Full PDB file with SEQRES, HELIX, SHEET, SSBOND, CRYST1, ORIGX, SCALE, CONECT and MASTER records, all heavy atoms in Angstrom:
SEQRES   1 A   37  GLU GLU GLY CYS GLY GLY PHE GLN PRO PRO TRP HIS PRO          
SEQRES   2 A   37  LEU PHE THR PHE SER PRO HIS THR GLY PRO ASP CYS ARG          
SEQRES   3 A   37  ALA LEU CYS ALA GLU GLY HIS CYS TRP GLY GLU                  
SSBOND   1 CYS A   25    CYS A   34                          1555   1555  2.07  
CRYST1    1.000    1.000    1.000  90.00  90.00  90.00 P 1           1          
ORIGX1      1.000000  0.000000  0.000000        0.00000                         
ORIGX2      0.000000  1.000000  0.000000        0.00000                         
ORIGX3      0.000000  0.000000  1.000000        0.00000                         
SCALE1      1.000000  0.000000  0.000000        0.00000                         
SCALE2      0.000000  1.000000  0.000000        0.00000                         
SCALE3      0.000000  0.000000  1.000000        0.00000                         
ATOM      1  N   GLU A   1     -63.881   4.898 -37.355  1.00  0.00           N  
ATOM      2  CA  GLU A   1     -65.145   5.610 -37.419  1.00  0.00           C  
ATOM      3  C   GLU A   1     -65.300   6.352 -38.771  1.00  0.00           C  
ATOM      4  O   GLU A   1     -64.311   6.566 -39.462  1.00  0.00           O  
ATOM      5  CB  GLU A   1     -65.250   6.588 -36.266  1.00  0.00           C  
ATOM      6  CG  GLU A   1     -64.046   7.552 -36.147  1.00  0.00           C  
ATOM      7  CD  GLU A   1     -64.107   8.362 -34.855  1.00  0.00           C  
ATOM      8  OE1 GLU A   1     -63.737   7.820 -33.837  1.00  0.00           O  
ATOM      9  OE2 GLU A   1     -64.449   9.499 -34.975  1.00  0.00           O  
ATOM     10  N   GLU A   2     -66.533   6.661 -39.141  1.00  0.00           N  
ATOM     11  CA  GLU A   2     -66.792   7.279 -40.417  1.00  0.00           C  
ATOM     12  C   GLU A   2     -67.044   8.809 -40.212  1.00  0.00           C  
ATOM     13  O   GLU A   2     -67.633   9.205 -39.226  1.00  0.00           O  
ATOM     14  CB  GLU A   2     -68.063   6.705 -41.019  1.00  0.00           C  
ATOM     15  CG  GLU A   2     -67.870   5.263 -41.458  1.00  0.00           C  
ATOM     16  CD  GLU A   2     -69.163   4.704 -42.025  1.00  0.00           C  
ATOM     17  OE1 GLU A   2     -70.171   5.387 -42.053  1.00  0.00           O  
ATOM     18  OE2 GLU A   2     -69.148   3.516 -42.467  1.00  0.00           O  
ATOM     19  N   GLY A   3     -66.597   9.567 -41.167  1.00  0.00           N  
ATOM     20  CA  GLY A   3     -66.880  11.011 -41.214  1.00  0.00           C  
ATOM     21  C   GLY A   3     -66.151  11.773 -40.131  1.00  0.00           C  
ATOM     22  O   GLY A   3     -65.388  11.247 -39.311  1.00  0.00           O  
ATOM     23  N   CYS A   4     -66.349  13.079 -40.156  1.00  0.00           N  
ATOM     24  CA  CYS A   4     -65.716  13.987 -39.234  1.00  0.00           C  
ATOM     25  C   CYS A   4     -66.716  14.585 -38.264  1.00  0.00           C  
ATOM     26  O   CYS A   4     -66.360  15.231 -37.312  1.00  0.00           O  
ATOM     27  CB  CYS A   4     -65.017  15.134 -39.995  1.00  0.00           C  
ATOM     28  SG  CYS A   4     -63.954  14.589 -41.289  1.00  0.00           S  
ATOM     29  N   GLY A   5     -68.000  14.468 -38.562  1.00  0.00           N  
ATOM     30  CA  GLY A   5     -68.966  15.146 -37.766  1.00  0.00           C  
ATOM     31  C   GLY A   5     -69.522  14.356 -36.585  1.00  0.00           C  
ATOM     32  O   GLY A   5     -70.714  14.184 -36.396  1.00  0.00           O  
ATOM     33  N   GLY A   6     -68.664  13.796 -35.785  1.00  0.00           N  
ATOM     34  CA  GLY A   6     -69.011  13.068 -34.647  1.00  0.00           C  
ATOM     35  C   GLY A   6     -68.842  11.569 -34.858  1.00  0.00           C  
ATOM     36  O   GLY A   6     -68.581  11.136 -35.934  1.00  0.00           O  
ATOM     37  N   PHE A   7     -69.050  10.834 -33.804  1.00  0.00           N  
ATOM     38  CA  PHE A   7     -68.753   9.420 -33.804  1.00  0.00           C  
ATOM     39  C   PHE A   7     -69.912   8.641 -34.417  1.00  0.00           C  
ATOM     40  O   PHE A   7     -71.000   8.732 -34.017  1.00  0.00           O  
ATOM     41  CB  PHE A   7     -68.533   8.920 -32.400  1.00  0.00           C  
ATOM     42  CG  PHE A   7     -68.200   7.464 -32.289  1.00  0.00           C  
ATOM     43  CD1 PHE A   7     -67.030   6.972 -32.809  1.00  0.00           C  
ATOM     44  CD2 PHE A   7     -69.119   6.580 -31.778  1.00  0.00           C  
ATOM     45  CE1 PHE A   7     -66.756   5.619 -32.729  1.00  0.00           C  
ATOM     46  CE2 PHE A   7     -68.855   5.251 -31.728  1.00  0.00           C  
ATOM     47  CZ  PHE A   7     -67.676   4.776 -32.217  1.00  0.00           C  
ATOM     48  N   GLN A   8     -69.585   7.897 -35.478  1.00  0.00           N  
ATOM     49  CA  GLN A   8     -70.569   7.010 -36.125  1.00  0.00           C  
ATOM     50  C   GLN A   8     -70.092   5.588 -35.813  1.00  0.00           C  
ATOM     51  O   GLN A   8     -68.941   5.294 -36.099  1.00  0.00           O  
ATOM     52  CB  GLN A   8     -70.596   7.211 -37.616  1.00  0.00           C  
ATOM     53  CG  GLN A   8     -70.964   8.643 -38.074  1.00  0.00           C  
ATOM     54  CD  GLN A   8     -72.480   8.821 -37.853  1.00  0.00           C  
ATOM     55  OE1 GLN A   8     -73.283   7.947 -38.061  1.00  0.00           O  
ATOM     56  NE2 GLN A   8     -72.802  10.044 -37.443  1.00  0.00           N  
ATOM     57  N   PRO A   9     -70.895   4.736 -35.261  1.00  0.00           N  
ATOM     58  CA  PRO A   9     -70.397   3.421 -34.829  1.00  0.00           C  
ATOM     59  C   PRO A   9     -70.550   2.355 -35.928  1.00  0.00           C  
ATOM     60  O   PRO A   9     -71.286   1.414 -35.771  1.00  0.00           O  
ATOM     61  CB  PRO A   9     -71.289   3.089 -33.628  1.00  0.00           C  
ATOM     62  CG  PRO A   9     -72.543   3.765 -33.927  1.00  0.00           C  
ATOM     63  CD  PRO A   9     -72.219   5.019 -34.703  1.00  0.00           C  
ATOM     64  N   PRO A  10     -69.761   2.399 -37.042  1.00  0.00           N  
ATOM     65  CA  PRO A  10     -69.854   1.367 -38.028  1.00  0.00           C  
ATOM     66  C   PRO A  10     -69.225   0.078 -37.568  1.00  0.00           C  
ATOM     67  O   PRO A  10     -69.403  -0.927 -38.181  1.00  0.00           O  
ATOM     68  CB  PRO A  10     -69.073   1.959 -39.200  1.00  0.00           C  
ATOM     69  CG  PRO A  10     -68.068   2.761 -38.544  1.00  0.00           C  
ATOM     70  CD  PRO A  10     -68.739   3.399 -37.388  1.00  0.00           C  
ATOM     71  N   TRP A  11     -68.530   0.153 -36.437  1.00  0.00           N  
ATOM     72  CA  TRP A  11     -67.790  -1.019 -36.000  1.00  0.00           C  
ATOM     73  C   TRP A  11     -68.611  -1.978 -35.143  1.00  0.00           C  
ATOM     74  O   TRP A  11     -68.178  -3.056 -34.889  1.00  0.00           O  
ATOM     75  CB  TRP A  11     -66.576  -0.569 -35.203  1.00  0.00           C  
ATOM     76  CG  TRP A  11     -66.891   0.417 -34.137  1.00  0.00           C  
ATOM     77  CD1 TRP A  11     -66.837   1.802 -34.224  1.00  0.00           C  
ATOM     78  CD2 TRP A  11     -67.329   0.164 -32.795  1.00  0.00           C  
ATOM     79  NE1 TRP A  11     -67.182   2.333 -33.062  1.00  0.00           N  
ATOM     80  CE2 TRP A  11     -67.508   1.379 -32.159  1.00  0.00           C  
ATOM     81  CE3 TRP A  11     -67.587  -1.027 -32.075  1.00  0.00           C  
ATOM     82  CZ2 TRP A  11     -67.925   1.474 -30.828  1.00  0.00           C  
ATOM     83  CZ3 TRP A  11     -68.010  -0.919 -30.794  1.00  0.00           C  
ATOM     84  CH2 TRP A  11     -68.169   0.301 -30.207  1.00  0.00           C  
ATOM     85  N   HIS A  12     -69.786  -1.571 -34.796  1.00  0.00           N  
ATOM     86  CA  HIS A  12     -70.631  -2.432 -33.969  1.00  0.00           C  
ATOM     87  C   HIS A  12     -70.879  -3.767 -34.671  1.00  0.00           C  
ATOM     88  O   HIS A  12     -71.346  -3.775 -35.798  1.00  0.00           O  
ATOM     89  CB  HIS A  12     -71.938  -1.803 -33.594  1.00  0.00           C  
ATOM     90  CG  HIS A  12     -71.848  -0.828 -32.498  1.00  0.00           C  
ATOM     91  ND1 HIS A  12     -71.311  -1.115 -31.252  1.00  0.00           N  
ATOM     92  CD2 HIS A  12     -72.228   0.468 -32.404  1.00  0.00           C  
ATOM     93  CE1 HIS A  12     -71.350  -0.060 -30.505  1.00  0.00           C  
ATOM     94  NE2 HIS A  12     -71.888   0.904 -31.209  1.00  0.00           N  
ATOM     95  N   PRO A  13     -70.600  -4.877 -33.995  1.00  0.00           N  
ATOM     96  CA  PRO A  13     -70.902  -6.153 -34.606  1.00  0.00           C  
ATOM     97  C   PRO A  13     -72.408  -6.333 -34.790  1.00  0.00           C  
ATOM     98  O   PRO A  13     -73.164  -5.939 -33.898  1.00  0.00           O  
ATOM     99  CB  PRO A  13     -70.341  -7.172 -33.676  1.00  0.00           C  
ATOM    100  CG  PRO A  13     -69.659  -6.438 -32.629  1.00  0.00           C  
ATOM    101  CD  PRO A  13     -70.015  -5.007 -32.689  1.00  0.00           C  
ATOM    102  N   LEU A  14     -72.771  -6.996 -35.860  1.00  0.00           N  
ATOM    103  CA  LEU A  14     -74.159  -7.349 -36.109  1.00  0.00           C  
ATOM    104  C   LEU A  14     -74.250  -8.838 -35.903  1.00  0.00           C  
ATOM    105  O   LEU A  14     -73.637  -9.612 -36.637  1.00  0.00           O  
ATOM    106  CB  LEU A  14     -74.560  -6.938 -37.536  1.00  0.00           C  
ATOM    107  CG  LEU A  14     -75.899  -7.511 -38.085  1.00  0.00           C  
ATOM    108  CD1 LEU A  14     -77.031  -6.878 -37.265  1.00  0.00           C  
ATOM    109  CD2 LEU A  14     -76.074  -7.278 -39.528  1.00  0.00           C  
ATOM    110  N   PHE A  15     -74.996  -9.294 -34.939  1.00  0.00           N  
ATOM    111  CA  PHE A  15     -75.115 -10.701 -34.642  1.00  0.00           C  
ATOM    112  C   PHE A  15     -76.564 -11.127 -34.724  1.00  0.00           C  
ATOM    113  O   PHE A  15     -77.468 -10.357 -34.382  1.00  0.00           O  
ATOM    114  CB  PHE A  15     -74.671 -11.020 -33.198  1.00  0.00           C  
ATOM    115  CG  PHE A  15     -73.245 -10.780 -32.898  1.00  0.00           C  
ATOM    116  CD1 PHE A  15     -72.920  -9.819 -31.985  1.00  0.00           C  
ATOM    117  CD2 PHE A  15     -72.268 -11.474 -33.547  1.00  0.00           C  
ATOM    118  CE1 PHE A  15     -71.561  -9.587 -31.703  1.00  0.00           C  
ATOM    119  CE2 PHE A  15     -70.908 -11.285 -33.269  1.00  0.00           C  
ATOM    120  CZ  PHE A  15     -70.562 -10.292 -32.369  1.00  0.00           C  
ATOM    121  N   THR A  16     -76.757 -12.312 -35.252  1.00  0.00           N  
ATOM    122  CA  THR A  16     -78.029 -12.975 -35.157  1.00  0.00           C  
ATOM    123  C   THR A  16     -77.717 -14.295 -34.465  1.00  0.00           C  
ATOM    124  O   THR A  16     -77.242 -15.214 -35.101  1.00  0.00           O  
ATOM    125  CB  THR A  16     -78.700 -13.251 -36.512  1.00  0.00           C  
ATOM    126  OG1 THR A  16     -78.759 -11.954 -37.232  1.00  0.00           O  
ATOM    127  CG2 THR A  16     -80.034 -13.836 -36.425  1.00  0.00           C  
ATOM    128  N   PHE A  17     -77.895 -14.365 -33.185  1.00  0.00           N  
ATOM    129  CA  PHE A  17     -77.563 -15.564 -32.428  1.00  0.00           C  
ATOM    130  C   PHE A  17     -78.585 -16.619 -32.641  1.00  0.00           C  
ATOM    131  O   PHE A  17     -79.780 -16.341 -32.661  1.00  0.00           O  
ATOM    132  CB  PHE A  17     -77.369 -15.268 -30.938  1.00  0.00           C  
ATOM    133  CG  PHE A  17     -76.186 -14.406 -30.620  1.00  0.00           C  
ATOM    134  CD1 PHE A  17     -76.316 -13.197 -30.040  1.00  0.00           C  
ATOM    135  CD2 PHE A  17     -74.874 -14.869 -30.926  1.00  0.00           C  
ATOM    136  CE1 PHE A  17     -75.200 -12.411 -29.784  1.00  0.00           C  
ATOM    137  CE2 PHE A  17     -73.792 -14.141 -30.671  1.00  0.00           C  
ATOM    138  CZ  PHE A  17     -73.929 -12.891 -30.083  1.00  0.00           C  
ATOM    139  N   SER A  18     -78.144 -17.841 -32.686  1.00  0.00           N  
ATOM    140  CA  SER A  18     -79.031 -18.912 -32.787  1.00  0.00           C  
ATOM    141  C   SER A  18     -79.264 -19.493 -31.393  1.00  0.00           C  
ATOM    142  O   SER A  18     -78.532 -19.166 -30.476  1.00  0.00           O  
ATOM    143  CB  SER A  18     -78.395 -20.049 -33.658  1.00  0.00           C  
ATOM    144  OG  SER A  18     -77.211 -20.478 -33.077  1.00  0.00           O  
ATOM    145  N   PRO A  19     -80.250 -20.368 -31.184  1.00  0.00           N  
ATOM    146  CA  PRO A  19     -80.471 -20.884 -29.867  1.00  0.00           C  
ATOM    147  C   PRO A  19     -79.406 -21.867 -29.428  1.00  0.00           C  
ATOM    148  O   PRO A  19     -79.347 -22.264 -28.281  1.00  0.00           O  
ATOM    149  CB  PRO A  19     -81.808 -21.610 -29.995  1.00  0.00           C  
ATOM    150  CG  PRO A  19     -82.016 -21.851 -31.451  1.00  0.00           C  
ATOM    151  CD  PRO A  19     -81.233 -20.741 -32.171  1.00  0.00           C  
ATOM    152  N   HIS A  20     -78.497 -22.229 -30.311  1.00  0.00           N  
ATOM    153  CA  HIS A  20     -77.404 -23.158 -29.964  1.00  0.00           C  
ATOM    154  C   HIS A  20     -76.471 -22.516 -28.937  1.00  0.00           C  
ATOM    155  O   HIS A  20     -76.032 -21.375 -29.119  1.00  0.00           O  
ATOM    156  CB  HIS A  20     -76.611 -23.561 -31.238  1.00  0.00           C  
ATOM    157  CG  HIS A  20     -75.479 -24.500 -30.941  1.00  0.00           C  
ATOM    158  ND1 HIS A  20     -75.671 -25.825 -30.675  1.00  0.00           N  
ATOM    159  CD2 HIS A  20     -74.173 -24.277 -30.822  1.00  0.00           C  
ATOM    160  CE1 HIS A  20     -74.510 -26.380 -30.429  1.00  0.00           C  
ATOM    161  NE2 HIS A  20     -73.568 -25.494 -30.500  1.00  0.00           N  
ATOM    162  N   THR A  21     -76.177 -23.239 -27.880  1.00  0.00           N  
ATOM    163  CA  THR A  21     -75.282 -22.734 -26.879  1.00  0.00           C  
ATOM    164  C   THR A  21     -74.034 -23.619 -26.839  1.00  0.00           C  
ATOM    165  O   THR A  21     -74.121 -24.815 -26.705  1.00  0.00           O  
ATOM    166  CB  THR A  21     -75.928 -22.771 -25.475  1.00  0.00           C  
ATOM    167  OG1 THR A  21     -77.160 -22.006 -25.504  1.00  0.00           O  
ATOM    168  CG2 THR A  21     -75.037 -22.151 -24.422  1.00  0.00           C  
ATOM    169  N   GLY A  22     -72.899 -23.013 -26.983  1.00  0.00           N  
ATOM    170  CA  GLY A  22     -71.643 -23.753 -26.957  1.00  0.00           C  
ATOM    171  C   GLY A  22     -71.164 -23.953 -25.519  1.00  0.00           C  
ATOM    172  O   GLY A  22     -71.781 -23.440 -24.565  1.00  0.00           O  
ATOM    173  N   PRO A  23     -70.028 -24.567 -25.380  1.00  0.00           N  
ATOM    174  CA  PRO A  23     -69.471 -24.759 -24.022  1.00  0.00           C  
ATOM    175  C   PRO A  23     -69.104 -23.385 -23.383  1.00  0.00           C  
ATOM    176  O   PRO A  23     -68.832 -22.421 -24.064  1.00  0.00           O  
ATOM    177  CB  PRO A  23     -68.176 -25.531 -24.328  1.00  0.00           C  
ATOM    178  CG  PRO A  23     -68.290 -26.098 -25.695  1.00  0.00           C  
ATOM    179  CD  PRO A  23     -69.207 -25.175 -26.379  1.00  0.00           C  
ATOM    180  N   ASP A  24     -69.141 -23.333 -22.096  1.00  0.00           N  
ATOM    181  CA  ASP A  24     -68.816 -22.099 -21.355  1.00  0.00           C  
ATOM    182  C   ASP A  24     -67.340 -22.031 -21.178  1.00  0.00           C  
ATOM    183  O   ASP A  24     -66.684 -22.950 -20.674  1.00  0.00           O  
ATOM    184  CB  ASP A  24     -69.531 -22.180 -20.017  1.00  0.00           C  
ATOM    185  CG  ASP A  24     -69.363 -20.890 -19.232  1.00  0.00           C  
ATOM    186  OD1 ASP A  24     -68.706 -19.960 -19.713  1.00  0.00           O  
ATOM    187  OD2 ASP A  24     -69.955 -20.837 -18.090  1.00  0.00           O  
ATOM    188  N   CYS A  25     -66.708 -20.906 -21.572  1.00  0.00           N  
ATOM    189  CA  CYS A  25     -65.271 -20.811 -21.440  1.00  0.00           C  
ATOM    190  C   CYS A  25     -64.851 -20.050 -20.200  1.00  0.00           C  
ATOM    191  O   CYS A  25     -63.650 -19.840 -20.017  1.00  0.00           O  
ATOM    192  CB  CYS A  25     -64.689 -20.174 -22.718  1.00  0.00           C  
ATOM    193  SG  CYS A  25     -65.156 -18.490 -23.072  1.00  0.00           S  
ATOM    194  N   ARG A  26     -65.755 -19.660 -19.390  1.00  0.00           N  
ATOM    195  CA  ARG A  26     -65.412 -18.935 -18.149  1.00  0.00           C  
ATOM    196  C   ARG A  26     -64.517 -19.734 -17.258  1.00  0.00           C  
ATOM    197  O   ARG A  26     -63.687 -19.184 -16.544  1.00  0.00           O  
ATOM    198  CB  ARG A  26     -66.646 -18.458 -17.429  1.00  0.00           C  
ATOM    199  CG  ARG A  26     -67.233 -17.228 -18.071  1.00  0.00           C  
ATOM    200  CD  ARG A  26     -68.439 -16.794 -17.286  1.00  0.00           C  
ATOM    201  NE  ARG A  26     -69.498 -17.741 -17.524  1.00  0.00           N  
ATOM    202  CZ  ARG A  26     -70.790 -17.465 -17.558  1.00  0.00           C  
ATOM    203  NH1 ARG A  26     -71.155 -16.268 -17.413  1.00  0.00           N  
ATOM    204  NH2 ARG A  26     -71.662 -18.372 -17.839  1.00  0.00           N  
ATOM    205  N   ALA A  27     -64.647 -21.035 -17.271  1.00  0.00           N  
ATOM    206  CA  ALA A  27     -63.837 -21.915 -16.417  1.00  0.00           C  
ATOM    207  C   ALA A  27     -62.410 -21.963 -16.926  1.00  0.00           C  
ATOM    208  O   ALA A  27     -61.477 -22.132 -16.175  1.00  0.00           O  
ATOM    209  CB  ALA A  27     -64.410 -23.317 -16.402  1.00  0.00           C  
ATOM    210  N   LEU A  28     -62.208 -21.778 -18.215  1.00  0.00           N  
ATOM    211  CA  LEU A  28     -60.831 -21.819 -18.831  1.00  0.00           C  
ATOM    212  C   LEU A  28     -60.169 -20.451 -18.864  1.00  0.00           C  
ATOM    213  O   LEU A  28     -58.963 -20.357 -18.717  1.00  0.00           O  
ATOM    214  CB  LEU A  28     -60.941 -22.411 -20.256  1.00  0.00           C  
ATOM    215  CG  LEU A  28     -61.381 -23.822 -20.362  1.00  0.00           C  
ATOM    216  CD1 LEU A  28     -61.559 -24.173 -21.861  1.00  0.00           C  
ATOM    217  CD2 LEU A  28     -60.338 -24.722 -19.771  1.00  0.00           C  
ATOM    218  N   CYS A  29     -60.912 -19.428 -19.162  1.00  0.00           N  
ATOM    219  CA  CYS A  29     -60.362 -18.080 -19.386  1.00  0.00           C  
ATOM    220  C   CYS A  29     -60.789 -17.163 -18.278  1.00  0.00           C  
ATOM    221  O   CYS A  29     -61.950 -17.061 -17.929  1.00  0.00           O  
ATOM    222  CB  CYS A  29     -60.852 -17.539 -20.714  1.00  0.00           C  
ATOM    223  SG  CYS A  29     -60.501 -18.625 -22.114  1.00  0.00           S  
ATOM    224  N   ALA A  30     -59.826 -16.459 -17.702  1.00  0.00           N  
ATOM    225  CA  ALA A  30     -60.030 -15.625 -16.545  1.00  0.00           C  
ATOM    226  C   ALA A  30     -61.186 -14.610 -16.755  1.00  0.00           C  
ATOM    227  O   ALA A  30     -62.008 -14.447 -15.824  1.00  0.00           O  
ATOM    228  CB  ALA A  30     -58.756 -14.843 -16.189  1.00  0.00           C  
ATOM    229  N   GLU A  31     -61.227 -14.014 -17.901  1.00  0.00           N  
ATOM    230  CA  GLU A  31     -62.275 -13.013 -18.157  1.00  0.00           C  
ATOM    231  C   GLU A  31     -63.488 -13.592 -18.800  1.00  0.00           C  
ATOM    232  O   GLU A  31     -64.515 -12.913 -19.003  1.00  0.00           O  
ATOM    233  CB  GLU A  31     -61.698 -11.910 -19.053  1.00  0.00           C  
ATOM    234  CG  GLU A  31     -60.494 -11.179 -18.454  1.00  0.00           C  
ATOM    235  CD  GLU A  31     -60.839 -10.420 -17.188  1.00  0.00           C  
ATOM    236  OE1 GLU A  31     -61.957  -9.823 -17.146  1.00  0.00           O  
ATOM    237  OE2 GLU A  31     -60.012 -10.400 -16.276  1.00  0.00           O  
ATOM    238  N   GLY A  32     -63.441 -14.876 -19.243  1.00  0.00           N  
ATOM    239  CA  GLY A  32     -64.593 -15.508 -19.862  1.00  0.00           C  
ATOM    240  C   GLY A  32     -64.763 -15.111 -21.334  1.00  0.00           C  
ATOM    241  O   GLY A  32     -65.882 -15.175 -21.847  1.00  0.00           O  
ATOM    242  N   HIS A  33     -63.688 -14.690 -21.987  1.00  0.00           N  
ATOM    243  CA  HIS A  33     -63.746 -14.296 -23.399  1.00  0.00           C  
ATOM    244  C   HIS A  33     -62.858 -15.254 -24.200  1.00  0.00           C  
ATOM    245  O   HIS A  33     -61.643 -15.377 -23.921  1.00  0.00           O  
ATOM    246  CB  HIS A  33     -63.212 -12.874 -23.576  1.00  0.00           C  
ATOM    247  CG  HIS A  33     -63.930 -11.913 -22.725  1.00  0.00           C  
ATOM    248  ND1 HIS A  33     -65.266 -11.609 -22.841  1.00  0.00           N  
ATOM    249  CD2 HIS A  33     -63.490 -11.196 -21.660  1.00  0.00           C  
ATOM    250  CE1 HIS A  33     -65.625 -10.699 -21.921  1.00  0.00           C  
ATOM    251  NE2 HIS A  33     -64.564 -10.441 -21.164  1.00  0.00           N  
ATOM    252  N   CYS A  34     -63.460 -15.989 -25.170  1.00  0.00           N  
ATOM    253  CA  CYS A  34     -62.718 -16.962 -25.874  1.00  0.00           C  
ATOM    254  C   CYS A  34     -63.145 -17.151 -27.340  1.00  0.00           C  
ATOM    255  O   CYS A  34     -64.263 -16.835 -27.649  1.00  0.00           O  
ATOM    256  CB  CYS A  34     -62.735 -18.303 -25.146  1.00  0.00           C  
ATOM    257  SG  CYS A  34     -64.450 -18.935 -24.965  1.00  0.00           S  
ATOM    258  N   TRP A  35     -62.252 -17.654 -28.114  1.00  0.00           N  
ATOM    259  CA  TRP A  35     -62.509 -17.981 -29.553  1.00  0.00           C  
ATOM    260  C   TRP A  35     -62.853 -19.469 -29.706  1.00  0.00           C  
ATOM    261  O   TRP A  35     -63.293 -19.850 -30.796  1.00  0.00           O  
ATOM    262  CB  TRP A  35     -61.263 -17.652 -30.379  1.00  0.00           C  
ATOM    263  CG  TRP A  35     -60.947 -16.207 -30.440  1.00  0.00           C  
ATOM    264  CD1 TRP A  35     -60.044 -15.511 -29.672  1.00  0.00           C  
ATOM    265  CD2 TRP A  35     -61.531 -15.239 -31.299  1.00  0.00           C  
ATOM    266  NE1 TRP A  35     -60.056 -14.187 -30.033  1.00  0.00           N  
ATOM    267  CE2 TRP A  35     -60.951 -14.015 -31.064  1.00  0.00           C  
ATOM    268  CE3 TRP A  35     -62.520 -15.345 -32.296  1.00  0.00           C  
ATOM    269  CZ2 TRP A  35     -61.303 -12.862 -31.725  1.00  0.00           C  
ATOM    270  CZ3 TRP A  35     -62.870 -14.174 -32.999  1.00  0.00           C  
ATOM    271  CH2 TRP A  35     -62.257 -12.936 -32.716  1.00  0.00           C  
ATOM    272  N   GLY A  36     -62.585 -20.269 -28.721  1.00  0.00           N  
ATOM    273  CA  GLY A  36     -62.784 -21.707 -28.839  1.00  0.00           C  
ATOM    274  C   GLY A  36     -62.788 -22.332 -27.462  1.00  0.00           C  
ATOM    275  O   GLY A  36     -62.749 -21.629 -26.469  1.00  0.00           O  
ATOM    276  N   GLU A  37     -62.849 -23.650 -27.409  1.00  0.00           N  
ATOM    277  CA  GLU A  37     -62.996 -24.331 -26.132  1.00  0.00           C  
ATOM    278  C   GLU A  37     -61.752 -24.774 -25.462  1.00  0.00           C  
ATOM    279  O   GLU A  37     -61.784 -25.353 -24.370  1.00  0.00           O  
ATOM    280  CB  GLU A  37     -63.930 -25.490 -26.298  1.00  0.00           C  
ATOM    281  CG  GLU A  37     -63.605 -26.485 -27.382  1.00  0.00           C  
ATOM    282  CD  GLU A  37     -64.726 -27.479 -27.640  1.00  0.00           C  
ATOM    283  OE1 GLU A  37     -65.265 -28.018 -26.634  1.00  0.00           O  
ATOM    284  OE2 GLU A  37     -65.077 -27.664 -28.784  1.00  0.00           O  
TER     285      GLU A  37                                                      
CONECT  193  257                                                                
CONECT  257  193                                                                
MASTER        0    0    0    0    0    0    0    6  284    1    2    3          
END                                                                             
């Protein structure tokens, strides 16, 4: 975090998602969070 005067969220990811949808990894990963297929 930045500064001392409270929480500044510089860590939030900035995404511009495209309409492209990749494979669904929920079937492979218990929590549905993955880096690849």
